[in-house]
Amino acid sequence: MGQSLPKPGLRPFLPADVPMLAEIFQASVEELTGEDYSEGQQEAWAAMAEDESFARLLAQGLTLIATIEGSPVGFIALKDNEQIELLYVHPAVAGQGIGSMLYDAVEKLAMARGAKRLSADASDNARPFFEKHGFQPQRRNTVTLGDEWLGNTTMEKRFAQPEERTLSS
C-alpha cells in the first residue's frame, strides 16, 4: 500500500508565491504533458511562467493554493468568477486528489457568488480531468506560443439553477 500524504490545505494566493507557482507550472508542463505535446510545445508552454503576465494572471482574480505541510503543491486561478485560467499540480502529487480539491473549492466559491457555469480551455492531458468533473467539450482551439502551436479544448460546466420559488399571498 502506498504512503499517504499529510492532509493538504488551501490558502489564498500571495504575491510572494509567484516564484514557487512558476516552478510548479513549469514542472507540471514538463513532466505531465509529454504524451500529448512535443518537446518544443512543452518548452514554449513552460516559458509562459517566465513572463510578467504570469504574475498578473495569478493576481487578477481568485487564486487558491493547495499546500502540504505549508508548502505549495498546486494552484487554481479563476477569472471573472466563471473562467478557470490555470489549474496545475506538482508532478510529485499528481493523481492524488490535489487538483480535485482545488477544483471543488473554486466550484463552491463560484456557485456561492452566483456563477451559472464554469469554463476552461483544457489542454489535451487535462481534458479527462475536466470531463470527470462534469465539463462538456464546446470547441477545439489552437494557441500560438512563439513558433509553436498548442491544441486545447474549451470546456464548460453549467450548474443546475435552483427553481424559482413562488410566493403565496
N, C-alpha and C. Protein backbone atom coordinates (compact mmCIF):
# COMPACT_ATOMS: atom_id res chain seq x y z
N MET A 1 0.84 -1.18 0.00
CA MET A 1 0.00 0.00 0.00
C MET A 1 0.88 1.24 0.00
N GLY A 2 0.50 2.24 -0.80
CA GLY A 2 1.29 3.47 -0.92
C GLY A 2 1.26 4.31 0.34
N GLN A 3 2.27 5.12 0.45
CA GLN A 3 2.34 6.03 1.59
C GLN A 3 1.34 7.16 1.38
N SER A 4 0.57 7.47 2.41
CA SER A 4 -0.41 8.53 2.25
C SER A 4 0.23 9.88 2.58
N LEU A 5 -0.23 10.88 1.85
CA LEU A 5 0.26 12.24 2.06
C LEU A 5 -0.37 12.84 3.31
N PRO A 6 0.34 13.77 3.95
CA PRO A 6 -0.31 14.53 5.02
C PRO A 6 -1.52 15.26 4.42
N LYS A 7 -2.48 15.60 5.24
CA LYS A 7 -3.70 16.24 4.76
C LYS A 7 -3.35 17.59 4.11
N PRO A 8 -3.78 17.77 2.85
CA PRO A 8 -3.50 19.05 2.19
C PRO A 8 -4.38 20.16 2.72
N GLY A 9 -3.90 21.38 2.59
CA GLY A 9 -4.65 22.56 2.99
C GLY A 9 -4.85 23.48 1.80
N LEU A 10 -5.67 24.49 1.99
CA LEU A 10 -5.92 25.51 0.97
C LEU A 10 -5.67 26.88 1.57
N ARG A 11 -5.14 27.77 0.77
CA ARG A 11 -4.99 29.15 1.20
C ARG A 11 -5.04 30.06 0.00
N PRO A 12 -5.29 31.38 0.22
CA PRO A 12 -5.29 32.31 -0.90
C PRO A 12 -3.88 32.60 -1.40
N PHE A 13 -3.81 33.03 -2.63
CA PHE A 13 -2.56 33.43 -3.27
C PHE A 13 -2.01 34.71 -2.65
N LEU A 14 -0.70 34.75 -2.51
CA LEU A 14 0.02 35.95 -2.08
C LEU A 14 1.06 36.28 -3.15
N PRO A 15 1.34 37.57 -3.40
CA PRO A 15 2.32 37.91 -4.44
C PRO A 15 3.68 37.21 -4.26
N ALA A 16 4.07 36.92 -3.04
CA ALA A 16 5.35 36.23 -2.81
C ALA A 16 5.34 34.79 -3.32
N ASP A 17 4.16 34.25 -3.66
CA ASP A 17 4.04 32.88 -4.15
C ASP A 17 4.45 32.72 -5.62
N VAL A 18 4.57 33.81 -6.36
CA VAL A 18 4.78 33.72 -7.81
C VAL A 18 5.96 32.81 -8.18
N PRO A 19 7.16 32.95 -7.58
CA PRO A 19 8.26 32.07 -8.00
C PRO A 19 7.97 30.58 -7.78
N MET A 20 7.36 30.23 -6.66
CA MET A 20 7.05 28.82 -6.38
C MET A 20 5.98 28.30 -7.33
N LEU A 21 4.97 29.12 -7.62
CA LEU A 21 3.91 28.69 -8.54
C LEU A 21 4.45 28.57 -9.96
N ALA A 22 5.40 29.42 -10.33
CA ALA A 22 6.05 29.30 -11.64
C ALA A 22 6.79 27.96 -11.73
N GLU A 23 7.45 27.57 -10.65
CA GLU A 23 8.15 26.27 -10.63
C GLU A 23 7.17 25.11 -10.77
N ILE A 24 6.04 25.18 -10.06
CA ILE A 24 5.03 24.13 -10.15
C ILE A 24 4.48 24.07 -11.58
N PHE A 25 4.17 25.23 -12.15
CA PHE A 25 3.66 25.32 -13.51
C PHE A 25 4.63 24.66 -14.49
N GLN A 26 5.91 25.05 -14.41
CA GLN A 26 6.90 24.51 -15.35
C GLN A 26 7.11 23.01 -15.16
N ALA A 27 7.21 22.56 -13.92
CA ALA A 27 7.39 21.12 -13.66
C ALA A 27 6.20 20.33 -14.18
N SER A 28 5.01 20.85 -13.97
CA SER A 28 3.79 20.18 -14.42
C SER A 28 3.79 20.05 -15.95
N VAL A 29 4.08 21.14 -16.64
CA VAL A 29 4.10 21.11 -18.11
C VAL A 29 5.18 20.15 -18.60
N GLU A 30 6.37 20.25 -18.02
CA GLU A 30 7.50 19.44 -18.49
C GLU A 30 7.32 17.95 -18.20
N GLU A 31 6.73 17.61 -17.07
CA GLU A 31 6.67 16.20 -16.67
C GLU A 31 5.34 15.50 -16.92
N LEU A 32 4.27 16.26 -17.11
CA LEU A 32 2.96 15.62 -17.20
C LEU A 32 2.30 15.72 -18.58
N THR A 33 2.90 16.43 -19.53
CA THR A 33 2.22 16.64 -20.81
C THR A 33 2.92 15.99 -21.99
N GLY A 34 3.95 15.20 -21.76
CA GLY A 34 4.76 14.62 -22.84
C GLY A 34 4.01 13.70 -23.78
N GLU A 35 2.95 13.08 -23.32
CA GLU A 35 2.20 12.18 -24.20
C GLU A 35 1.35 12.96 -25.22
N ASP A 36 1.04 14.22 -24.92
CA ASP A 36 0.13 14.99 -25.76
C ASP A 36 0.80 16.13 -26.53
N TYR A 37 1.98 16.56 -26.10
CA TYR A 37 2.63 17.71 -26.71
C TYR A 37 4.10 17.41 -26.96
N SER A 38 4.64 17.99 -28.04
CA SER A 38 6.05 17.79 -28.38
C SER A 38 6.95 18.55 -27.40
N GLU A 39 8.24 18.25 -27.46
CA GLU A 39 9.20 18.94 -26.59
C GLU A 39 9.20 20.44 -26.86
N GLY A 40 9.12 20.84 -28.12
CA GLY A 40 9.07 22.26 -28.47
C GLY A 40 7.83 22.93 -27.93
N GLN A 41 6.69 22.24 -28.03
CA GLN A 41 5.44 22.78 -27.49
C GLN A 41 5.54 22.93 -25.97
N GLN A 42 6.11 21.92 -25.31
CA GLN A 42 6.27 21.98 -23.85
C GLN A 42 7.17 23.15 -23.44
N GLU A 43 8.26 23.34 -24.17
CA GLU A 43 9.19 24.43 -23.83
C GLU A 43 8.51 25.79 -24.00
N ALA A 44 7.76 25.97 -25.08
CA ALA A 44 7.06 27.24 -25.31
C ALA A 44 6.01 27.47 -24.22
N TRP A 45 5.31 26.42 -23.85
CA TRP A 45 4.27 26.50 -22.81
C TRP A 45 4.89 26.82 -21.46
N ALA A 46 5.93 26.09 -21.08
CA ALA A 46 6.58 26.30 -19.78
C ALA A 46 7.17 27.70 -19.67
N ALA A 47 7.61 28.26 -20.79
CA ALA A 47 8.21 29.60 -20.79
C ALA A 47 7.20 30.69 -20.40
N MET A 48 5.92 30.39 -20.48
CA MET A 48 4.91 31.37 -20.07
C MET A 48 5.11 31.81 -18.62
N ALA A 49 5.64 30.93 -17.78
CA ALA A 49 5.83 31.27 -16.37
C ALA A 49 6.96 32.26 -16.16
N GLU A 50 7.80 32.46 -17.17
CA GLU A 50 8.91 33.40 -17.06
C GLU A 50 8.50 34.82 -17.43
N ASP A 51 7.32 34.98 -17.97
CA ASP A 51 6.82 36.28 -18.40
C ASP A 51 6.10 36.96 -17.23
N GLU A 52 6.16 38.29 -17.17
CA GLU A 52 5.49 39.00 -16.07
C GLU A 52 3.97 38.87 -16.13
N SER A 53 3.44 38.50 -17.29
CA SER A 53 1.99 38.30 -17.39
C SER A 53 1.52 37.12 -16.54
N PHE A 54 2.42 36.19 -16.21
CA PHE A 54 2.08 35.05 -15.36
C PHE A 54 1.64 35.56 -13.98
N ALA A 55 2.41 36.48 -13.40
CA ALA A 55 2.06 37.04 -12.09
C ALA A 55 0.75 37.80 -12.16
N ARG A 56 0.53 38.53 -13.25
CA ARG A 56 -0.75 39.26 -13.40
C ARG A 56 -1.92 38.30 -13.48
N LEU A 57 -1.73 37.20 -14.19
CA LEU A 57 -2.78 36.20 -14.33
C LEU A 57 -3.16 35.63 -12.96
N LEU A 58 -2.17 35.38 -12.13
CA LEU A 58 -2.43 34.86 -10.78
C LEU A 58 -3.15 35.88 -9.90
N ALA A 59 -2.83 37.15 -10.09
CA ALA A 59 -3.37 38.20 -9.22
C ALA A 59 -4.70 38.76 -9.68
N GLN A 60 -5.12 38.51 -10.92
CA GLN A 60 -6.28 39.19 -11.47
C GLN A 60 -7.62 38.71 -10.94
N GLY A 61 -7.71 37.52 -10.46
CA GLY A 61 -8.99 37.01 -9.98
C GLY A 61 -8.79 36.30 -8.65
N LEU A 62 -9.44 35.16 -8.52
CA LEU A 62 -9.32 34.35 -7.32
C LEU A 62 -8.32 33.24 -7.60
N THR A 63 -7.24 33.20 -6.86
CA THR A 63 -6.26 32.12 -6.99
C THR A 63 -6.12 31.45 -5.63
N LEU A 64 -6.31 30.13 -5.63
CA LEU A 64 -6.15 29.32 -4.42
C LEU A 64 -4.94 28.42 -4.58
N ILE A 65 -4.27 28.19 -3.47
CA ILE A 65 -3.07 27.36 -3.46
C ILE A 65 -3.31 26.16 -2.54
N ALA A 66 -2.98 24.98 -3.06
CA ALA A 66 -3.01 23.77 -2.24
C ALA A 66 -1.63 23.62 -1.61
N THR A 67 -1.63 23.29 -0.33
CA THR A 67 -0.37 23.12 0.37
C THR A 67 -0.33 21.77 1.08
N ILE A 68 0.87 21.26 1.25
CA ILE A 68 1.10 20.08 2.10
C ILE A 68 2.20 20.49 3.05
N GLU A 69 1.89 20.41 4.33
CA GLU A 69 2.81 20.85 5.39
C GLU A 69 3.32 22.26 5.11
N GLY A 70 2.43 23.12 4.64
CA GLY A 70 2.74 24.53 4.42
C GLY A 70 3.37 24.87 3.08
N SER A 71 3.80 23.87 2.32
CA SER A 71 4.46 24.12 1.03
C SER A 71 3.46 24.01 -0.12
N PRO A 72 3.46 24.97 -1.04
CA PRO A 72 2.57 24.89 -2.20
C PRO A 72 2.85 23.65 -3.05
N VAL A 73 1.77 22.97 -3.46
CA VAL A 73 1.90 21.79 -4.33
C VAL A 73 0.98 21.89 -5.55
N GLY A 74 0.14 22.92 -5.60
CA GLY A 74 -0.77 23.10 -6.72
C GLY A 74 -1.51 24.41 -6.58
N PHE A 75 -2.15 24.83 -7.69
CA PHE A 75 -2.91 26.08 -7.64
C PHE A 75 -3.96 26.11 -8.73
N ILE A 76 -4.96 26.95 -8.50
CA ILE A 76 -6.03 27.17 -9.46
C ILE A 76 -6.33 28.66 -9.49
N ALA A 77 -6.56 29.20 -10.68
CA ALA A 77 -6.88 30.62 -10.84
C ALA A 77 -8.21 30.75 -11.57
N LEU A 78 -9.11 31.51 -10.97
CA LEU A 78 -10.44 31.74 -11.53
C LEU A 78 -10.57 33.21 -11.90
N LYS A 79 -10.95 33.46 -13.15
CA LYS A 79 -11.12 34.83 -13.64
C LYS A 79 -12.60 35.11 -13.85
N ASP A 80 -13.04 36.27 -13.44
CA ASP A 80 -14.43 36.72 -13.64
C ASP A 80 -15.46 35.72 -13.12
N ASN A 81 -15.10 34.98 -12.11
CA ASN A 81 -15.98 34.04 -11.42
C ASN A 81 -16.52 32.92 -12.31
N GLU A 82 -16.01 32.81 -13.55
CA GLU A 82 -16.52 31.77 -14.44
C GLU A 82 -15.44 31.06 -15.26
N GLN A 83 -14.25 31.64 -15.38
CA GLN A 83 -13.23 31.08 -16.26
C GLN A 83 -12.05 30.55 -15.46
N ILE A 84 -11.82 29.24 -15.52
CA ILE A 84 -10.64 28.66 -14.89
C ILE A 84 -9.48 28.94 -15.83
N GLU A 85 -8.59 29.82 -15.39
CA GLU A 85 -7.45 30.24 -16.20
C GLU A 85 -6.28 29.27 -16.07
N LEU A 86 -6.03 28.81 -14.86
CA LEU A 86 -4.89 27.93 -14.58
C LEU A 86 -5.31 26.88 -13.56
N LEU A 87 -4.85 25.66 -13.75
CA LEU A 87 -5.01 24.59 -12.76
C LEU A 87 -3.83 23.65 -12.95
N TYR A 88 -2.90 23.71 -12.02
CA TYR A 88 -1.67 22.93 -12.12
C TYR A 88 -1.32 22.32 -10.77
N VAL A 89 -0.82 21.10 -10.79
CA VAL A 89 -0.31 20.46 -9.58
C VAL A 89 1.12 19.98 -9.85
N HIS A 90 1.90 19.93 -8.81
CA HIS A 90 3.27 19.45 -8.95
C HIS A 90 3.22 17.97 -9.33
N PRO A 91 4.11 17.53 -10.23
CA PRO A 91 4.10 16.12 -10.64
C PRO A 91 4.21 15.13 -9.48
N ALA A 92 4.88 15.50 -8.40
CA ALA A 92 5.04 14.60 -7.26
C ALA A 92 3.71 14.26 -6.59
N VAL A 93 2.69 15.11 -6.77
CA VAL A 93 1.39 14.85 -6.14
C VAL A 93 0.28 14.63 -7.17
N ALA A 94 0.65 14.55 -8.45
CA ALA A 94 -0.36 14.34 -9.50
C ALA A 94 -1.11 13.03 -9.25
N GLY A 95 -2.41 13.05 -9.46
CA GLY A 95 -3.23 11.86 -9.30
C GLY A 95 -3.58 11.52 -7.87
N GLN A 96 -3.32 12.43 -6.94
CA GLN A 96 -3.58 12.16 -5.52
C GLN A 96 -4.70 13.04 -4.95
N GLY A 97 -5.50 13.66 -5.82
CA GLY A 97 -6.66 14.41 -5.36
C GLY A 97 -6.44 15.89 -5.14
N ILE A 98 -5.24 16.38 -5.35
CA ILE A 98 -4.96 17.81 -5.12
C ILE A 98 -5.73 18.66 -6.14
N GLY A 99 -5.69 18.28 -7.40
CA GLY A 99 -6.42 19.02 -8.43
C GLY A 99 -7.91 19.03 -8.16
N SER A 100 -8.46 17.89 -7.75
CA SER A 100 -9.89 17.82 -7.43
C SER A 100 -10.24 18.69 -6.23
N MET A 101 -9.38 18.72 -5.24
CA MET A 101 -9.61 19.56 -4.07
C MET A 101 -9.65 21.03 -4.48
N LEU A 102 -8.70 21.45 -5.31
CA LEU A 102 -8.66 22.83 -5.79
C LEU A 102 -9.91 23.15 -6.61
N TYR A 103 -10.25 22.25 -7.54
CA TYR A 103 -11.42 22.49 -8.39
C TYR A 103 -12.70 22.57 -7.54
N ASP A 104 -12.87 21.63 -6.62
CA ASP A 104 -14.09 21.62 -5.79
C ASP A 104 -14.25 22.92 -5.01
N ALA A 105 -13.14 23.43 -4.48
CA ALA A 105 -13.20 24.68 -3.71
C ALA A 105 -13.61 25.85 -4.60
N VAL A 106 -13.05 25.93 -5.80
CA VAL A 106 -13.40 27.02 -6.72
C VAL A 106 -14.84 26.89 -7.18
N GLU A 107 -15.29 25.68 -7.45
CA GLU A 107 -16.68 25.50 -7.87
C GLU A 107 -17.64 25.99 -6.78
N LYS A 108 -17.38 25.62 -5.54
CA LYS A 108 -18.25 26.06 -4.43
C LYS A 108 -18.24 27.57 -4.30
N LEU A 109 -17.07 28.18 -4.39
CA LEU A 109 -16.98 29.64 -4.28
C LEU A 109 -17.70 30.32 -5.45
N ALA A 110 -17.50 29.82 -6.65
CA ALA A 110 -18.15 30.42 -7.83
C ALA A 110 -19.67 30.32 -7.71
N MET A 111 -20.16 29.16 -7.30
CA MET A 111 -21.61 28.99 -7.15
C MET A 111 -22.15 29.92 -6.06
N ALA A 112 -21.43 30.04 -4.95
CA ALA A 112 -21.86 30.92 -3.87
C ALA A 112 -21.89 32.37 -4.32
N ARG A 113 -21.07 32.70 -5.30
CA ARG A 113 -21.03 34.07 -5.84
C ARG A 113 -21.96 34.25 -7.03
N GLY A 114 -22.81 33.25 -7.29
CA GLY A 114 -23.83 33.38 -8.32
C GLY A 114 -23.47 32.92 -9.72
N ALA A 115 -22.35 32.24 -9.89
CA ALA A 115 -21.98 31.76 -11.22
C ALA A 115 -23.00 30.74 -11.71
N LYS A 116 -23.30 30.80 -12.99
CA LYS A 116 -24.23 29.84 -13.60
C LYS A 116 -23.47 28.75 -14.34
N ARG A 117 -22.16 28.97 -14.53
CA ARG A 117 -21.34 28.00 -15.24
C ARG A 117 -19.87 28.23 -14.94
N LEU A 118 -19.05 27.26 -15.30
CA LEU A 118 -17.60 27.42 -15.29
C LEU A 118 -17.09 26.96 -16.65
N SER A 119 -16.03 27.58 -17.13
CA SER A 119 -15.41 27.14 -18.37
C SER A 119 -13.91 27.09 -18.18
N ALA A 120 -13.27 26.32 -19.05
CA ALA A 120 -11.82 26.17 -19.02
C ALA A 120 -11.35 25.81 -20.42
N ASP A 121 -10.19 26.33 -20.80
CA ASP A 121 -9.53 25.90 -22.02
C ASP A 121 -8.56 24.81 -21.60
N ALA A 122 -9.01 23.57 -21.70
CA ALA A 122 -8.27 22.43 -21.17
C ALA A 122 -7.26 21.89 -22.17
N SER A 123 -6.04 21.67 -21.68
CA SER A 123 -5.03 21.01 -22.51
C SER A 123 -5.50 19.58 -22.78
N ASP A 124 -4.87 18.93 -23.75
CA ASP A 124 -5.29 17.58 -24.09
C ASP A 124 -5.13 16.62 -22.91
N ASN A 125 -4.09 16.81 -22.11
CA ASN A 125 -3.90 15.91 -20.98
C ASN A 125 -4.82 16.27 -19.81
N ALA A 126 -5.35 17.50 -19.75
CA ALA A 126 -6.28 17.89 -18.67
C ALA A 126 -7.73 17.61 -19.02
N ARG A 127 -8.02 17.38 -20.27
CA ARG A 127 -9.41 17.18 -20.69
C ARG A 127 -10.12 16.06 -19.91
N PRO A 128 -9.50 14.88 -19.70
CA PRO A 128 -10.19 13.85 -18.92
C PRO A 128 -10.52 14.29 -17.49
N PHE A 129 -9.64 15.09 -16.88
CA PHE A 129 -9.92 15.62 -15.53
C PHE A 129 -11.20 16.44 -15.54
N PHE A 130 -11.31 17.35 -16.50
CA PHE A 130 -12.50 18.22 -16.56
C PHE A 130 -13.75 17.41 -16.91
N GLU A 131 -13.62 16.43 -17.79
CA GLU A 131 -14.77 15.58 -18.11
C GLU A 131 -15.25 14.84 -16.86
N LYS A 132 -14.31 14.35 -16.06
CA LYS A 132 -14.65 13.66 -14.81
C LYS A 132 -15.43 14.57 -13.85
N HIS A 133 -15.17 15.86 -13.94
CA HIS A 133 -15.84 16.83 -13.08
C HIS A 133 -17.07 17.46 -13.73
N GLY A 134 -17.58 16.84 -14.78
CA GLY A 134 -18.85 17.25 -15.36
C GLY A 134 -18.78 18.28 -16.47
N PHE A 135 -17.60 18.58 -16.97
CA PHE A 135 -17.47 19.54 -18.07
C PHE A 135 -17.75 18.85 -19.40
N GLN A 136 -18.29 19.62 -20.34
CA GLN A 136 -18.56 19.14 -21.69
C GLN A 136 -17.71 19.94 -22.68
N PRO A 137 -17.14 19.25 -23.69
CA PRO A 137 -16.36 19.98 -24.69
C PRO A 137 -17.26 20.88 -25.53
N GLN A 138 -16.78 22.08 -25.83
CA GLN A 138 -17.52 23.05 -26.62
C GLN A 138 -16.90 23.27 -27.99
N ARG A 139 -15.56 23.48 -28.02
CA ARG A 139 -14.88 23.70 -29.29
C ARG A 139 -13.38 23.44 -29.13
N ARG A 140 -12.75 23.15 -30.24
CA ARG A 140 -11.31 22.91 -30.29
C ARG A 140 -10.62 24.23 -30.63
N ASN A 141 -9.48 24.49 -30.00
CA ASN A 141 -8.74 25.74 -30.20
C ASN A 141 -7.29 25.46 -30.56
N THR A 142 -6.66 26.45 -31.19
CA THR A 142 -5.23 26.42 -31.44
C THR A 142 -4.65 27.69 -30.83
N VAL A 143 -3.64 27.52 -29.98
CA VAL A 143 -2.99 28.64 -29.31
C VAL A 143 -1.56 28.72 -29.84
N THR A 144 -1.13 29.91 -30.25
CA THR A 144 0.22 30.09 -30.75
C THR A 144 1.09 30.67 -29.63
N LEU A 145 2.19 29.99 -29.36
CA LEU A 145 3.17 30.45 -28.37
C LEU A 145 4.53 30.48 -29.06
N GLY A 146 5.03 31.67 -29.36
CA GLY A 146 6.29 31.78 -30.10
C GLY A 146 6.13 31.13 -31.46
N ASP A 147 7.01 30.18 -31.76
CA ASP A 147 6.95 29.46 -33.04
C ASP A 147 6.14 28.18 -32.95
N GLU A 148 5.55 27.92 -31.81
CA GLU A 148 4.81 26.67 -31.60
C GLU A 148 3.32 26.93 -31.51
N TRP A 149 2.54 25.92 -31.81
CA TRP A 149 1.09 25.98 -31.59
C TRP A 149 0.72 24.81 -30.69
N LEU A 150 -0.28 25.05 -29.88
CA LEU A 150 -0.78 24.02 -28.98
C LEU A 150 -2.28 23.91 -29.16
N GLY A 151 -2.78 22.69 -29.14
CA GLY A 151 -4.22 22.49 -29.21
C GLY A 151 -4.79 22.39 -27.81
N ASN A 152 -6.00 22.91 -27.61
CA ASN A 152 -6.73 22.71 -26.37
C ASN A 152 -8.22 22.71 -26.69
N THR A 153 -9.02 22.43 -25.69
CA THR A 153 -10.46 22.34 -25.88
C THR A 153 -11.17 23.23 -24.87
N THR A 154 -12.03 24.12 -25.36
CA THR A 154 -12.86 24.90 -24.45
C THR A 154 -13.93 23.96 -23.91
N MET A 155 -14.01 23.90 -22.58
CA MET A 155 -14.97 23.02 -21.92
C MET A 155 -15.83 23.86 -21.00
N GLU A 156 -17.05 23.39 -20.76
CA GLU A 156 -17.99 24.16 -19.95
C GLU A 156 -18.79 23.22 -19.05
N LYS A 157 -19.08 23.72 -17.87
CA LYS A 157 -19.97 23.02 -16.95
C LYS A 157 -21.04 24.01 -16.51
N ARG A 158 -22.27 23.69 -16.81
CA ARG A 158 -23.39 24.53 -16.38
C ARG A 158 -23.92 23.99 -15.06
N PHE A 159 -24.26 24.90 -14.17
CA PHE A 159 -24.80 24.50 -12.87
C PHE A 159 -26.30 24.46 -12.92
N ALA A 160 -26.88 23.49 -12.26
CA ALA A 160 -28.34 23.44 -12.14
C ALA A 160 -28.77 24.65 -11.31
N GLN A 161 -29.74 25.36 -11.80
CA GLN A 161 -30.22 26.54 -11.09
C GLN A 161 -31.37 26.15 -10.17
N PRO A 162 -31.37 26.68 -8.96
CA PRO A 162 -32.49 26.39 -8.07
C PRO A 162 -33.78 26.91 -8.71
N GLU A 163 -34.83 26.15 -8.57
CA GLU A 163 -36.09 26.57 -9.17
C GLU A 163 -36.58 27.83 -8.48
N GLU A 164 -37.19 28.67 -9.30
CA GLU A 164 -37.74 29.92 -8.75
C GLU A 164 -38.83 29.56 -7.73
N ARG A 165 -38.74 30.18 -6.63
CA ARG A 165 -39.75 29.96 -5.59
C ARG A 165 -40.92 30.90 -5.84
N THR A 166 -42.08 30.36 -5.72
CA THR A 166 -43.26 31.23 -5.86
C THR A 166 -43.73 31.61 -4.48
N LEU A 167 -44.05 32.85 -4.36
CA LEU A 167 -44.56 33.34 -3.06
C LEU A 167 -46.06 33.22 -3.02
N SER A 168 -46.56 32.66 -1.97
CA SER A 168 -48.02 32.57 -1.80
C SER A 168 -48.49 33.83 -1.11
N SER A 169 -49.66 34.32 -1.54
CA SER A 169 -50.16 35.51 -0.88
C SER A 169 -50.94 35.18 0.33
